[in-house]
Amino acid sequence: MACPCWFLPVDINCKQRPLIYTVIPISQAIQQYLDQHPHQDRLTTAQILLAWKQLMPAPVQKRIQKAFVKQDKLFVKVGSAALRQSLVASKSRILERMQEPPLCCQIRDIVVY
């Protein structure tokens, strides 16, 4: 089976000669698009929030009211004071687990409020 590919023009501004297309893999075309457009931050935010949800068990997820990412920090609003204290106490362990290879989130800090 052939590799899925995408055709991109080599020279867009050329008006004298016809466009020449080169074949590149779709993953490379998507990466070029993301490098040229500001969507990378949204994808990174979505990956961090998904990793947080995968890392936390269901009872903890039920008590979390809000979670968002701002400037490489994960902000988590918790409805339970006991859970808040527990998350603050284990913050360094949670950061280590979020930065391990399966999740690989580039996050500097977790703010629990």
Protein backbone atom coordinates (compact mmCIF):
# COMPACT_ATOMS: atom_id res chain seq x y z
CA MET A 1 0.00 0.00 0.00
CA ALA A 2 1.35 3.39 -0.96
CA CYS A 3 2.12 6.06 1.59
CA PRO A 4 -0.59 8.76 1.81
CA CYS A 5 0.86 11.93 0.31
CA TRP A 6 -0.09 15.54 -0.22
CA PHE A 7 0.85 17.77 -3.16
CA LEU A 8 2.32 21.18 -2.38
CA PRO A 9 3.35 23.79 -4.95
CA VAL A 10 7.06 24.53 -5.06
CA ASP A 11 6.80 28.12 -6.27
CA ILE A 12 3.50 29.90 -5.53
CA ASN A 13 4.50 33.39 -6.73
CA CYS A 14 5.71 32.33 -10.15
CA LYS A 15 3.34 33.59 -12.89
CA GLN A 16 5.40 32.87 -16.03
CA ARG A 17 5.56 29.09 -15.80
CA PRO A 18 3.10 26.53 -14.54
CA LEU A 19 3.24 25.37 -10.94
CA ILE A 20 5.43 22.40 -10.18
CA TYR A 21 4.12 20.12 -7.47
CA THR A 22 6.24 17.98 -5.24
CA VAL A 23 5.00 14.94 -3.35
CA ILE A 24 5.53 14.95 0.42
CA PRO A 25 4.01 12.81 3.19
CA ILE A 26 0.83 14.11 4.83
CA SER A 27 2.51 14.27 8.24
CA GLN A 28 5.16 16.61 6.83
CA ALA A 29 2.51 18.76 5.12
CA ILE A 30 0.55 19.06 8.38
CA GLN A 31 3.73 19.96 10.27
CA GLN A 32 4.54 22.68 7.71
CA TYR A 33 1.01 24.05 8.05
CA LEU A 34 1.24 24.10 11.84
CA ASP A 35 4.62 25.84 11.70
CA GLN A 36 3.17 28.59 9.48
CA HIS A 37 -0.10 29.08 11.39
CA PRO A 38 -0.80 29.79 15.08
CA HIS A 39 -2.64 26.52 15.77
CA GLN A 40 0.29 24.85 17.53
CA ASP A 41 -0.59 26.49 20.87
CA ARG A 42 -4.13 25.14 20.73
CA LEU A 43 -2.90 21.65 19.93
CA THR A 44 -0.39 21.77 22.79
CA THR A 45 -3.11 22.94 25.17
CA ALA A 46 -5.41 20.13 24.05
CA GLN A 47 -2.62 17.56 24.50
CA ILE A 48 -1.89 18.80 28.04
CA LEU A 49 -5.57 18.70 29.05
CA LEU A 50 -5.97 15.23 27.54
CA ALA A 51 -2.88 14.01 29.42
CA TRP A 52 -4.30 15.46 32.65
CA LYS A 53 -7.58 13.61 32.12
CA GLN A 54 -5.77 10.34 31.35
CA LEU A 55 -3.59 10.70 34.43
CA MET A 56 -6.32 11.47 36.95
CA PRO A 57 -8.74 8.76 38.12
CA ALA A 58 -12.50 9.16 37.66
CA PRO A 59 -13.29 10.31 41.27
CA VAL A 60 -10.72 13.11 40.95
CA GLN A 61 -12.09 14.15 37.54
CA LYS A 62 -15.57 14.51 39.04
CA ARG A 63 -14.31 17.05 41.61
CA ILE A 64 -12.41 19.20 39.10
CA GLN A 65 -14.51 22.19 38.10
CA LYS A 66 -12.18 23.80 35.57
CA ALA A 67 -8.81 23.13 33.97
CA PHE A 68 -6.93 25.34 31.50
CA VAL A 69 -3.39 26.07 30.32
CA LYS A 70 -1.79 29.50 30.29
CA GLN A 71 1.91 30.26 29.68
CA ASP A 72 3.13 26.66 30.19
CA LYS A 73 1.21 26.33 33.47
CA LEU A 74 -1.77 24.08 34.11
CA PHE A 75 -4.44 25.77 36.24
CA VAL A 76 -6.88 23.42 37.98
CA LYS A 77 -9.93 24.55 39.97
CA VAL A 78 -11.00 21.93 42.49
CA GLY A 79 -14.29 21.86 44.40
CA SER A 80 -13.00 19.84 47.35
CA ALA A 81 -10.53 21.28 49.89
CA ALA A 82 -9.19 17.84 50.80
CA LEU A 83 -8.54 16.99 47.15
CA ARG A 84 -6.92 20.39 46.63
CA GLN A 85 -4.47 19.70 49.47
CA SER A 86 -3.75 16.25 48.10
CA LEU A 87 -3.04 17.59 44.61
CA VAL A 88 -0.78 20.34 45.96
CA ALA A 89 1.14 17.77 48.03
CA SER A 90 1.68 15.47 45.03
CA LYS A 91 2.25 18.22 42.45
CA SER A 92 5.87 17.29 41.71
CA ARG A 93 4.98 13.62 41.18
CA ILE A 94 2.12 14.59 38.83
CA LEU A 95 4.48 16.86 36.84
CA GLU A 96 6.98 14.02 36.49
CA ARG A 97 4.30 11.62 35.24
CA MET A 98 2.98 14.17 32.73
CA GLN A 99 6.47 14.64 31.28
CA GLU A 100 7.19 10.92 30.84
CA PRO A 101 7.35 9.55 27.26
CA PRO A 102 3.77 8.32 26.75
CA LEU A 103 2.32 11.74 27.58
CA CYS A 104 5.32 14.08 26.98
CA CYS A 105 3.69 17.36 28.04
CA GLN A 106 5.87 20.44 28.14
CA ILE A 107 4.47 22.04 31.27
CA ARG A 108 6.41 23.90 33.97
CA ASP A 109 3.96 24.08 36.86
CA ILE A 110 0.53 23.09 38.11
CA VAL A 111 -1.51 25.69 39.97
CA VAL A 112 -4.32 24.21 42.07
CA TYR A 113 -6.93 26.65 43.32
